Amino acid sequence: MERRVNIDLKAKSKDEAVVELLNLIKAEGVKLDYEKILKAVREREDLEDTSYGHGFAFPHARTKAVDEMYILVGISKSGLEGRTCDSIPVHVVCLLLTPSTIAKLYLQTLSGLAQFGRMPGILETIINIRNRAELIKLISEANVTIDKELLVRDVMRHHISSVTPDDTLKDVANEMFRNRLSALAVVEDGGKLVGVINDRDLIKAALPDYKSLISNLNYSLDVEPFEELLKQEDKIKVSQLYRDDYEVTTPETRIVEVAAMMIFKDIRRVFVSIDDKLVGVLLRKDIVNMIIRG
């Protein structure tokens, strides 16, 4: 394992770090199609940035170019260039390469490493690592577990965009646009989940009498509804629009159970909470992207 660790990456970017880590396997004399592997990693990165936050990034690929799992870890003392979700530069790059036939193990390993990355103070400890053996020992002593079944916490998003009941319609629209989302969690102080607001709710605010419009296309409007809505965007509160009909689960629920519920109820998202506190969100598209696409 130590030979697949680089505690002093020279790379300036995540892409350069991936290339540098792949060179660790090359140095072992392992014969692989490295161009094909690099292409697969870059394609996955183009789909969604794998910078996880907390100073960690998990570039990965499921590819026929490998017939066993490879885990390579690199540390950048100065931090890599590029934007991250929490503005903390990437210092730790964990590159995972797996055959396309072991999707479950790959997701569980990815989840386990992500748990490690969320441990308090772990980034500072890693940056100050003096040798590879220290890093291996640190990971080993963290007692990160890999479950036999895929759980919600293996796939859910930990970074959740949310608003409060006192935020305005403009705040909602800005947050949706900024994060390319169609719905937001509504939380009270302390992170308690109380509801959801989506783009349909915003449009309904502009067209409260939309049923009449549908039934009579010649229905006359005294004013332009969207223009009126824009005039009120700083005054209309989330508390006037949000709904409390949302689905919730826990991080320890089996992913198959939640996926079945999403299909049965035809819903796109399930919020994840612990003792009523919002800790994540599971999107239907993430189940497709992570489990099927990788």
C-alpha atoms as a PDB file:
ATOM      1  CA  MET A   1       0.000   0.000   0.000  1.00  0.00           C
ATOM      2  CA  GLU A   2       2.811   2.444   0.845  1.00  0.00           C
ATOM      3  CA  ARG A   3       4.122   2.344  -2.712  1.00  0.00           C
ATOM      4  CA  ARG A   4       0.779   3.758  -3.861  1.00  0.00           C
ATOM      5  CA  VAL A   5       1.022   6.827  -1.652  1.00  0.00           C
ATOM      6  CA  ASN A   6       2.681  10.138  -2.532  1.00  0.00           C
ATOM      7  CA  ILE A   7       2.935  12.509   0.433  1.00  0.00           C
ATOM      8  CA  ASP A   8       4.449  15.368  -1.571  1.00  0.00           C
ATOM      9  CA  LEU A   9       2.598  15.893  -4.844  1.00  0.00           C
ATOM     10  CA  LYS A  10       4.244  18.338  -7.248  1.00  0.00           C
ATOM     11  CA  ALA A  11       1.023  18.773  -9.216  1.00  0.00           C
ATOM     12  CA  LYS A  12      -0.652  22.169  -9.392  1.00  0.00           C
ATOM     13  CA  SER A  13      -4.076  20.902 -10.472  1.00  0.00           C
ATOM     14  CA  LYS A  14      -6.260  17.873  -9.795  1.00  0.00           C
ATOM     15  CA  ASP A  15      -5.718  16.581 -13.327  1.00  0.00           C
ATOM     16  CA  GLU A  16      -1.953  16.794 -12.897  1.00  0.00           C
ATOM     17  CA  ALA A  17      -2.303  15.009  -9.545  1.00  0.00           C
ATOM     18  CA  VAL A  18      -4.180  12.136 -11.230  1.00  0.00           C
ATOM     19  CA  VAL A  19      -1.378  11.760 -13.778  1.00  0.00           C
ATOM     20  CA  GLU A  20       1.223  11.851 -10.999  1.00  0.00           C
ATOM     21  CA  LEU A  21      -0.618   9.160  -9.039  1.00  0.00           C
ATOM     22  CA  LEU A  22      -0.987   6.948 -12.100  1.00  0.00           C
ATOM     23  CA  ASN A  23       2.803   7.118 -12.408  1.00  0.00           C
ATOM     24  CA  LEU A  24       3.002   5.258  -9.090  1.00  0.00           C
ATOM     25  CA  ILE A  25       1.442   2.198 -10.726  1.00  0.00           C
ATOM     26  CA  LYS A  26       3.622   2.615 -13.806  1.00  0.00           C
ATOM     27  CA  ALA A  27       6.683   2.599 -11.550  1.00  0.00           C
ATOM     28  CA  GLU A  28       5.614  -0.825 -10.282  1.00  0.00           C
ATOM     29  CA  GLY A  29       5.775  -2.121 -13.823  1.00  0.00           C
ATOM     30  CA  VAL A  30       2.035  -2.788 -14.032  1.00  0.00           C
ATOM     31  CA  LYS A  31       0.949  -3.048 -17.669  1.00  0.00           C
ATOM     32  CA  LEU A  32      -2.261  -1.077 -18.162  1.00  0.00           C
ATOM     33  CA  ASP A  33      -3.806   1.131 -20.838  1.00  0.00           C
ATOM     34  CA  TYR A  34      -3.023   4.364 -19.007  1.00  0.00           C
ATOM     35  CA  GLU A  35      -4.411   6.584 -21.764  1.00  0.00           C
ATOM     36  CA  LYS A  36      -7.758   4.798 -21.553  1.00  0.00           C
ATOM     37  CA  ILE A  37      -7.755   5.049 -17.742  1.00  0.00           C
ATOM     38  CA  LEU A  38      -6.940   8.758 -17.792  1.00  0.00           C
ATOM     39  CA  LYS A  39      -9.680   9.353 -20.358  1.00  0.00           C
ATOM     40  CA  ALA A  40     -12.209   7.543 -18.120  1.00  0.00           C
ATOM     41  CA  VAL A  41     -11.198   9.599 -15.066  1.00  0.00           C
ATOM     42  CA  ARG A  42     -11.478  12.837 -17.054  1.00  0.00           C
ATOM     43  CA  GLU A  43     -14.876  11.853 -18.431  1.00  0.00           C
ATOM     44  CA  ARG A  44     -16.144  11.240 -14.887  1.00  0.00           C
ATOM     45  CA  GLU A  45     -14.682  14.566 -13.796  1.00  0.00           C
ATOM     46  CA  ASP A  46     -16.457  16.334 -16.663  1.00  0.00           C
ATOM     47  CA  LEU A  47     -19.778  14.869 -15.487  1.00  0.00           C
ATOM     48  CA  GLU A  48     -19.313  16.223 -11.974  1.00  0.00           C
ATOM     49  CA  ASP A  49     -16.421  17.715 -10.047  1.00  0.00           C
ATOM     50  CA  THR A  50     -15.156  15.130  -7.569  1.00  0.00           C
ATOM     51  CA  SER A  51     -13.735  17.733  -5.190  1.00  0.00           C
ATOM     52  CA  TYR A  52     -15.595  16.662  -2.087  1.00  0.00           C
ATOM     53  CA  GLY A  53     -14.881  19.526   0.276  1.00  0.00           C
ATOM     54  CA  HIS A  54     -12.913  19.490   3.532  1.00  0.00           C
ATOM     55  CA  GLY A  55      -9.719  19.582   1.413  1.00  0.00           C
ATOM     56  CA  PHE A  56     -10.375  16.173  -0.202  1.00  0.00           C
ATOM     57  CA  ALA A  57     -10.995  15.074  -3.800  1.00  0.00           C
ATOM     58  CA  PHE A  58     -11.976  11.606  -5.013  1.00  0.00           C
ATOM     59  CA  PRO A  59     -11.348  11.335  -8.754  1.00  0.00           C
ATOM     60  CA  HIS A  60     -12.413   7.882  -9.867  1.00  0.00           C
ATOM     61  CA  ALA A  61     -13.430   5.686 -12.754  1.00  0.00           C
ATOM     62  CA  ARG A  62     -15.010   2.312 -13.400  1.00  0.00           C
ATOM     63  CA  THR A  63     -13.272   0.964 -16.451  1.00  0.00           C
ATOM     64  CA  LYS A  64     -12.528  -2.271 -18.288  1.00  0.00           C
ATOM     65  CA  ALA A  65      -8.911  -1.120 -18.453  1.00  0.00           C
ATOM     66  CA  VAL A  66      -8.332  -2.565 -14.950  1.00  0.00           C
ATOM     67  CA  ASP A  67      -9.253  -5.973 -13.552  1.00  0.00           C
ATOM     68  CA  GLU A  68      -8.751  -5.142  -9.866  1.00  0.00           C
ATOM     69  CA  MET A  69      -9.278  -2.146  -7.605  1.00  0.00           C
ATOM     70  CA  TYR A  70      -6.486   0.413  -7.346  1.00  0.00           C
ATOM     71  CA  ILE A  71      -6.473   3.020  -4.562  1.00  0.00           C
ATOM     72  CA  LEU A  72      -3.823   5.728  -4.809  1.00  0.00           C
ATOM     73  CA  VAL A  73      -3.442   8.597  -2.366  1.00  0.00           C
ATOM     74  CA  GLY A  74      -1.569  11.855  -2.844  1.00  0.00           C
ATOM     75  CA  ILE A  75      -0.986  14.822  -0.547  1.00  0.00           C
ATOM     76  CA  SER A  76      -0.389  18.357  -1.764  1.00  0.00           C
ATOM     77  CA  LYS A  77       1.194  20.407   1.011  1.00  0.00           C
ATOM     78  CA  SER A  78       0.370  23.746  -0.622  1.00  0.00           C
ATOM     79  CA  GLY A  79      -3.053  22.772  -2.017  1.00  0.00           C
ATOM     80  CA  LEU A  80      -4.211  22.399  -5.613  1.00  0.00           C
ATOM     81  CA  GLU A  81      -5.578  25.121  -7.852  1.00  0.00           C
ATOM     82  CA  GLY A  82      -9.277  25.197  -8.703  1.00  0.00           C
ATOM     83  CA  ARG A  83     -12.627  25.991  -7.123  1.00  0.00           C
ATOM     84  CA  THR A  84     -14.121  23.801  -4.411  1.00  0.00           C
ATOM     85  CA  CYS A  85     -17.584  23.687  -2.869  1.00  0.00           C
ATOM     86  CA  ASP A  86     -16.373  25.063   0.480  1.00  0.00           C
ATOM     87  CA  SER A  87     -13.447  27.211  -0.783  1.00  0.00           C
ATOM     88  CA  ILE A  88     -10.929  24.949   1.002  1.00  0.00           C
ATOM     89  CA  PRO A  89      -8.163  23.999  -1.482  1.00  0.00           C
ATOM     90  CA  VAL A  90      -7.773  20.311  -2.247  1.00  0.00           C
ATOM     91  CA  HIS A  91      -4.824  18.869  -0.295  1.00  0.00           C
ATOM     92  CA  VAL A  92      -5.688  15.156  -0.406  1.00  0.00           C
ATOM     93  CA  VAL A  93      -6.382  13.312  -3.655  1.00  0.00           C
ATOM     94  CA  CYS A  94      -7.715   9.745  -3.447  1.00  0.00           C
ATOM     95  CA  LEU A  95      -7.765   8.148  -6.886  1.00  0.00           C
ATOM     96  CA  LEU A  96      -9.963   5.038  -7.225  1.00  0.00           C
ATOM     97  CA  LEU A  97      -9.827   2.784 -10.267  1.00  0.00           C
ATOM     98  CA  THR A  98     -12.160  -0.202 -10.355  1.00  0.00           C
ATOM     99  CA  PRO A  99     -13.438  -2.752 -12.865  1.00  0.00           C
ATOM    100  CA  SER A 100     -16.965  -2.019 -14.036  1.00  0.00           C
ATOM    101  CA  THR A 101     -18.130  -5.290 -12.460  1.00  0.00           C
ATOM    102  CA  ILE A 102     -17.564  -4.304  -8.820  1.00  0.00           C
ATOM    103  CA  ALA A 103     -19.675  -1.153  -8.546  1.00  0.00           C
ATOM    104  CA  LYS A 104     -20.857  -2.002  -5.031  1.00  0.00           C
ATOM    105  CA  LEU A 105     -17.358  -2.357  -3.551  1.00  0.00           C
ATOM    106  CA  TYR A 106     -16.233   0.800  -5.307  1.00  0.00           C
ATOM    107  CA  LEU A 107     -19.107   2.860  -3.874  1.00  0.00           C
ATOM    108  CA  GLN A 108     -18.601   1.454  -0.396  1.00  0.00           C
ATOM    109  CA  THR A 109     -14.870   2.204  -0.536  1.00  0.00           C
ATOM    110  CA  LEU A 110     -15.564   5.709  -1.793  1.00  0.00           C
ATOM    111  CA  SER A 111     -18.027   6.235   1.041  1.00  0.00           C
ATOM    112  CA  GLY A 112     -15.556   4.911   3.606  1.00  0.00           C
ATOM    113  CA  LEU A 113     -12.822   7.285   2.436  1.00  0.00           C
ATOM    114  CA  ALA A 114     -15.331  10.154   2.483  1.00  0.00           C
ATOM    115  CA  GLN A 115     -16.131   9.318   6.122  1.00  0.00           C
ATOM    116  CA  PHE A 116     -12.414   9.529   6.835  1.00  0.00           C
ATOM    117  CA  GLY A 117     -12.271  12.943   5.157  1.00  0.00           C
ATOM    118  CA  ARG A 118     -15.050  14.278   7.392  1.00  0.00           C
ATOM    119  CA  MET A 119     -13.264  13.440  10.639  1.00  0.00           C
ATOM    120  CA  PRO A 120     -12.574  16.604  12.704  1.00  0.00           C
ATOM    121  CA  GLY A 121      -9.005  17.890  12.307  1.00  0.00           C
ATOM    122  CA  ILE A 122      -8.020  15.153   9.850  1.00  0.00           C
ATOM    123  CA  LEU A 123      -6.899  17.507   7.062  1.00  0.00           C
ATOM    124  CA  GLU A 124      -4.366  19.358   9.217  1.00  0.00           C
ATOM    125  CA  THR A 125      -3.055  16.037  10.525  1.00  0.00           C
ATOM    126  CA  ILE A 126      -2.594  14.681   7.003  1.00  0.00           C
ATOM    127  CA  ILE A 127      -0.877  17.815   5.696  1.00  0.00           C
ATOM    128  CA  ASN A 128       1.721  17.424   8.453  1.00  0.00           C
ATOM    129  CA  ILE A 129       2.350  13.728   7.748  1.00  0.00           C
ATOM    130  CA  ARG A 130       6.105  13.027   7.612  1.00  0.00           C
ATOM    131  CA  ASN A 131       6.148   9.684   5.821  1.00  0.00           C
ATOM    132  CA  ARG A 132       3.893   7.235   4.007  1.00  0.00           C
ATOM    133  CA  ALA A 133       3.789   4.760   6.873  1.00  0.00           C
ATOM    134  CA  GLU A 134       2.262   7.451   9.113  1.00  0.00           C
ATOM    135  CA  LEU A 135      -0.579   7.993   6.632  1.00  0.00           C
ATOM    136  CA  ILE A 136      -1.313   4.265   6.327  1.00  0.00           C
ATOM    137  CA  LYS A 137      -1.399   3.985  10.117  1.00  0.00           C
ATOM    138  CA  LEU A 138      -3.698   7.011  10.389  1.00  0.00           C
ATOM    139  CA  ILE A 139      -6.209   5.524   7.935  1.00  0.00           C
ATOM    140  CA  SER A 140      -6.014   2.125   9.626  1.00  0.00           C
ATOM    141  CA  GLU A 141      -6.620   3.546  13.106  1.00  0.00           C
ATOM    142  CA  ALA A 142      -9.590   5.604  11.889  1.00  0.00           C
ATOM    143  CA  ASN A 143     -11.622   2.355  11.857  1.00  0.00           C
ATOM    144  CA  VAL A 144     -13.556   3.354   8.766  1.00  0.00           C
ATOM    145  CA  THR A 145     -16.130   0.634   8.114  1.00  0.00           C
ATOM    146  CA  ILE A 146     -17.346  -0.728   4.800  1.00  0.00           C
ATOM    147  CA  ASP A 147     -20.842  -2.179   5.061  1.00  0.00           C
ATOM    148  CA  LYS A 148     -22.064  -5.275   3.271  1.00  0.00           C
ATOM    149  CA  GLU A 149     -25.003  -3.362   1.762  1.00  0.00           C
ATOM    150  CA  LEU A 150     -25.155   0.028   0.108  1.00  0.00           C
ATOM    151  CA  LEU A 151     -26.715   2.561   2.451  1.00  0.00           C
ATOM    152  CA  VAL A 152     -28.152   6.023   1.892  1.00  0.00           C
ATOM    153  CA  ARG A 153     -25.010   7.593   3.359  1.00  0.00           C
ATOM    154  CA  ASP A 154     -22.961   5.926   0.602  1.00  0.00           C
ATOM    155  CA  VAL A 155     -24.742   7.908  -2.109  1.00  0.00           C
ATOM    156  CA  MET A 156     -26.363  10.964  -0.502  1.00  0.00           C
ATOM    157  CA  ARG A 157     -25.130  14.525  -0.928  1.00  0.00           C
ATOM    158  CA  HIS A 158     -23.704  15.963   2.275  1.00  0.00           C
ATOM    159  CA  HIS A 159     -23.631  19.559   1.028  1.00  0.00           C
ATOM    160  CA  ILE A 160     -27.240  20.706   1.077  1.00  0.00           C
ATOM    161  CA  SER A 161     -28.552  23.976  -0.298  1.00  0.00           C
ATOM    162  CA  SER A 162     -31.281  25.304   1.954  1.00  0.00           C
ATOM    163  CA  VAL A 163     -33.274  28.378   2.901  1.00  0.00           C
ATOM    164  CA  THR A 164     -35.150  29.424   6.012  1.00  0.00           C
ATOM    165  CA  PRO A 165     -38.831  30.374   6.353  1.00  0.00           C
ATOM    166  CA  ASP A 166     -37.752  34.029   6.728  1.00  0.00           C
ATOM    167  CA  ASP A 167     -35.810  34.116   3.450  1.00  0.00           C
ATOM    168  CA  THR A 168     -37.429  35.784   0.461  1.00  0.00           C
ATOM    169  CA  LEU A 169     -38.503  34.532  -2.925  1.00  0.00           C
ATOM    170  CA  LYS A 170     -35.461  36.306  -4.376  1.00  0.00           C
ATOM    171  CA  ASP A 171     -33.181  34.368  -1.999  1.00  0.00           C
ATOM    172  CA  VAL A 172     -34.743  31.122  -3.198  1.00  0.00           C
ATOM    173  CA  ALA A 173     -34.353  31.979  -6.877  1.00  0.00           C
ATOM    174  CA  ASN A 174     -30.730  33.028  -6.382  1.00  0.00           C
ATOM    175  CA  GLU A 175     -29.866  29.838  -4.482  1.00  0.00           C
ATOM    176  CA  MET A 176     -31.532  27.659  -7.103  1.00  0.00           C
ATOM    177  CA  PHE A 177     -29.698  29.416  -9.921  1.00  0.00           C
ATOM    178  CA  ARG A 178     -26.351  29.407  -8.132  1.00  0.00           C
ATOM    179  CA  ASN A 179     -26.455  25.661  -7.495  1.00  0.00           C
ATOM    180  CA  ARG A 180     -28.461  24.576 -10.570  1.00  0.00           C
ATOM    181  CA  LEU A 181     -31.225  23.078  -8.416  1.00  0.00           C
ATOM    182  CA  SER A 182     -34.979  22.806  -8.865  1.00  0.00           C
ATOM    183  CA  ALA A 183     -35.811  22.480  -5.151  1.00  0.00           C
ATOM    184  CA  LEU A 184     -34.427  23.523  -1.775  1.00  0.00           C
ATOM    185  CA  ALA A 185     -34.820  22.254   1.770  1.00  0.00           C
ATOM    186  CA  VAL A 186     -36.425  24.672   4.218  1.00  0.00           C
ATOM    187  CA  VAL A 187     -34.783  24.593   7.632  1.00  0.00           C
ATOM    188  CA  GLU A 188     -35.217  26.403  10.914  1.00  0.00           C
ATOM    189  CA  ASP A 189     -32.475  27.403  13.370  1.00  0.00           C
ATOM    190  CA  GLY A 190     -30.285  24.447  14.266  1.00  0.00           C
ATOM    191  CA  GLY A 191     -30.860  22.754  10.926  1.00  0.00           C
ATOM    192  CA  LYS A 192     -34.298  21.319  11.694  1.00  0.00           C
ATOM    193  CA  LEU A 193     -36.004  20.292   8.456  1.00  0.00           C
ATOM    194  CA  VAL A 194     -39.492  21.787   8.146  1.00  0.00           C
ATOM    195  CA  GLY A 195     -40.294  21.703   4.445  1.00  0.00           C
ATOM    196  CA  VAL A 196     -39.358  22.001   0.794  1.00  0.00           C
ATOM    197  CA  ILE A 197     -39.765  24.676  -1.866  1.00  0.00           C
ATOM    198  CA  ASN A 198     -39.307  24.067  -5.580  1.00  0.00           C
ATOM    199  CA  ASP A 199     -39.447  25.911  -8.887  1.00  0.00           C
ATOM    200  CA  ARG A 200     -43.098  24.927  -9.336  1.00  0.00           C
ATOM    201  CA  ASP A 201     -43.945  26.738  -6.098  1.00  0.00           C
ATOM    202  CA  LEU A 202     -42.326  29.910  -7.445  1.00  0.00           C
ATOM    203  CA  ILE A 203     -44.307  29.776 -10.683  1.00  0.00           C
ATOM    204  CA  LYS A 204     -47.531  29.091  -8.763  1.00  0.00           C
ATOM    205  CA  ALA A 205     -46.841  32.251  -6.734  1.00  0.00           C
ATOM    206  CA  ALA A 206     -46.993  34.188  -9.988  1.00  0.00           C
ATOM    207  CA  LEU A 207     -50.011  32.254 -11.304  1.00  0.00           C
ATOM    208  CA  PRO A 208     -52.288  31.587  -8.318  1.00  0.00           C
ATOM    209  CA  ASP A 209     -55.250  31.238 -10.688  1.00  0.00           C
ATOM    210  CA  TYR A 210     -53.449  28.912 -13.095  1.00  0.00           C
ATOM    211  CA  LYS A 211     -56.395  26.480 -13.269  1.00  0.00           C
ATOM    212  CA  SER A 212     -58.549  29.160 -14.852  1.00  0.00           C
ATOM    213  CA  LEU A 213     -55.828  29.835 -17.406  1.00  0.00           C
ATOM    214  CA  ILE A 214     -55.706  26.173 -18.379  1.00  0.00           C
ATOM    215  CA  SER A 215     -59.482  25.764 -18.667  1.00  0.00           C
ATOM    216  CA  ASN A 216     -59.939  28.997 -20.628  1.00  0.00           C
ATOM    217  CA  LEU A 217     -57.100  30.086 -22.898  1.00  0.00           C
ATOM    218  CA  ASN A 218     -58.931  33.365 -23.531  1.00  0.00           C
ATOM    219  CA  TYR A 219     -58.826  34.144 -19.798  1.00  0.00           C
ATOM    220  CA  SER A 220     -58.026  37.828 -19.443  1.00  0.00           C
ATOM    221  CA  LEU A 221     -55.252  39.048 -17.147  1.00  0.00           C
ATOM    222  CA  ASP A 222     -55.372  42.572 -15.788  1.00  0.00           C
ATOM    223  CA  VAL A 223     -51.620  42.616 -15.183  1.00  0.00           C
ATOM    224  CA  GLU A 224     -48.588  40.624 -16.291  1.00  0.00           C
ATOM    225  CA  PRO A 225     -48.219  38.033 -13.452  1.00  0.00           C
ATOM    226  CA  PHE A 226     -44.453  37.572 -13.625  1.00  0.00           C
ATOM    227  CA  GLU A 227     -43.881  41.310 -13.649  1.00  0.00           C
ATOM    228  CA  GLU A 228     -45.991  41.617 -10.507  1.00  0.00           C
ATOM    229  CA  LEU A 229     -44.104  38.783  -8.887  1.00  0.00           C
ATOM    230  CA  LEU A 230     -40.769  40.494  -9.540  1.00  0.00           C
ATOM    231  CA  LYS A 231     -42.074  43.587  -7.775  1.00  0.00           C
ATOM    232  CA  GLN A 232     -42.759  41.479  -4.699  1.00  0.00           C
ATOM    233  CA  GLU A 233     -39.671  39.219  -4.758  1.00  0.00           C
ATOM    234  CA  ASP A 234     -38.091  40.928  -1.743  1.00  0.00           C
ATOM    235  CA  LYS A 235     -41.325  40.831   0.258  1.00  0.00           C
ATOM    236  CA  ILE A 236     -42.718  37.353  -0.336  1.00  0.00           C
ATOM    237  CA  LYS A 237     -41.351  34.996   2.315  1.00  0.00           C
ATOM    238  CA  VAL A 238     -40.520  31.321   2.024  1.00  0.00           C
ATOM    239  CA  SER A 239     -42.988  30.743   4.870  1.00  0.00           C
ATOM    240  CA  GLN A 240     -45.778  31.754   2.458  1.00  0.00           C
ATOM    241  CA  LEU A 241     -44.794  29.241  -0.209  1.00  0.00           C
ATOM    242  CA  TYR A 242     -43.050  26.169   1.185  1.00  0.00           C
ATOM    243  CA  ARG A 243     -44.726  22.776   1.586  1.00  0.00           C
ATOM    244  CA  ASP A 244     -44.345  20.160   4.309  1.00  0.00           C
ATOM    245  CA  ASP A 245     -45.145  17.152   2.091  1.00  0.00           C
ATOM    246  CA  TYR A 246     -41.638  15.774   1.677  1.00  0.00           C
ATOM    247  CA  GLU A 247     -40.060  12.361   2.110  1.00  0.00           C
ATOM    248  CA  VAL A 248     -37.340  11.759   4.675  1.00  0.00           C
ATOM    249  CA  THR A 249     -35.031   8.863   5.500  1.00  0.00           C
ATOM    250  CA  THR A 250     -31.934   8.156   7.592  1.00  0.00           C
ATOM    251  CA  PRO A 251     -28.296   7.672   6.526  1.00  0.00           C
ATOM    252  CA  GLU A 252     -28.415   4.010   7.604  1.00  0.00           C
ATOM    253  CA  THR A 253     -31.368   3.031   5.420  1.00  0.00           C
ATOM    254  CA  ARG A 254     -30.647   0.581   2.610  1.00  0.00           C
ATOM    255  CA  ILE A 255     -30.417   2.332  -0.738  1.00  0.00           C
ATOM    256  CA  VAL A 256     -32.672  -0.260  -2.398  1.00  0.00           C
ATOM    257  CA  GLU A 257     -35.508   0.588  -0.002  1.00  0.00           C
ATOM    258  CA  VAL A 258     -35.327   4.300  -0.763  1.00  0.00           C
ATOM    259  CA  ALA A 259     -34.926   3.715  -4.499  1.00  0.00           C
ATOM    260  CA  ALA A 260     -38.067   1.536  -4.491  1.00  0.00           C
ATOM    261  CA  MET A 261     -40.003   4.245  -2.642  1.00  0.00           C
ATOM    262  CA  MET A 262     -38.838   6.904  -5.121  1.00  0.00           C
ATOM    263  CA  ILE A 263     -40.071   4.802  -8.025  1.00  0.00           C
ATOM    264  CA  PHE A 264     -43.389   3.934  -6.341  1.00  0.00           C
ATOM    265  CA  LYS A 265     -44.139   7.543  -5.360  1.00  0.00           C
ATOM    266  CA  ASP A 266     -42.465   9.051  -8.451  1.00  0.00           C
ATOM    267  CA  ILE A 267     -40.341  11.481  -6.433  1.00  0.00           C
ATOM    268  CA  ARG A 268     -36.971  12.948  -7.349  1.00  0.00           C
ATOM    269  CA  ARG A 269     -35.491  13.621  -3.907  1.00  0.00           C
ATOM    270  CA  VAL A 270     -35.535  12.308  -0.373  1.00  0.00           C
ATOM    271  CA  PHE A 271     -34.111  14.341   2.479  1.00  0.00           C
ATOM    272  CA  VAL A 272     -31.856  12.641   4.998  1.00  0.00           C
ATOM    273  CA  SER A 273     -32.073  13.538   8.670  1.00  0.00           C
ATOM    274  CA  ILE A 274     -30.863  12.469  12.081  1.00  0.00           C
ATOM    275  CA  ASP A 275     -33.167  13.417  14.979  1.00  0.00           C
ATOM    276  CA  ASP A 276     -35.050  15.853  12.686  1.00  0.00           C
ATOM    277  CA  LYS A 277     -31.782  17.614  11.727  1.00  0.00           C
ATOM    278  CA  LEU A 278     -31.073  17.771   8.010  1.00  0.00           C
ATOM    279  CA  VAL A 279     -27.776  16.031   7.179  1.00  0.00           C
ATOM    280  CA  GLY A 280     -28.114  15.259   3.464  1.00  0.00           C
ATOM    281  CA  VAL A 281     -30.259  14.736   0.421  1.00  0.00           C
ATOM    282  CA  LEU A 282     -30.579  11.768  -1.922  1.00  0.00           C
ATOM    283  CA  LEU A 283     -31.458  12.633  -5.514  1.00  0.00           C
ATOM    284  CA  ARG A 284     -32.821  10.130  -7.990  1.00  0.00           C
ATOM    285  CA  LYS A 285     -30.292  11.263 -10.577  1.00  0.00           C
ATOM    286  CA  ASP A 286     -27.457  10.566  -8.118  1.00  0.00           C
ATOM    287  CA  ILE A 287     -28.536   6.937  -7.845  1.00  0.00           C
ATOM    288  CA  VAL A 288     -28.307   6.750 -11.632  1.00  0.00           C
ATOM    289  CA  ASN A 289     -25.038   8.695 -11.871  1.00  0.00           C
ATOM    290  CA  MET A 290     -23.162   6.997  -9.050  1.00  0.00           C
ATOM    291  CA  ILE A 291     -24.403   3.421  -9.168  1.00  0.00           C
ATOM    292  CA  ILE A 292     -25.115   2.947 -12.862  1.00  0.00           C
ATOM    293  CA  ARG A 293     -22.771   5.474 -14.493  1.00  0.00           C
ATOM    294  CA  GLY A 294     -20.153   5.525 -11.728  1.00  0.00           C
END
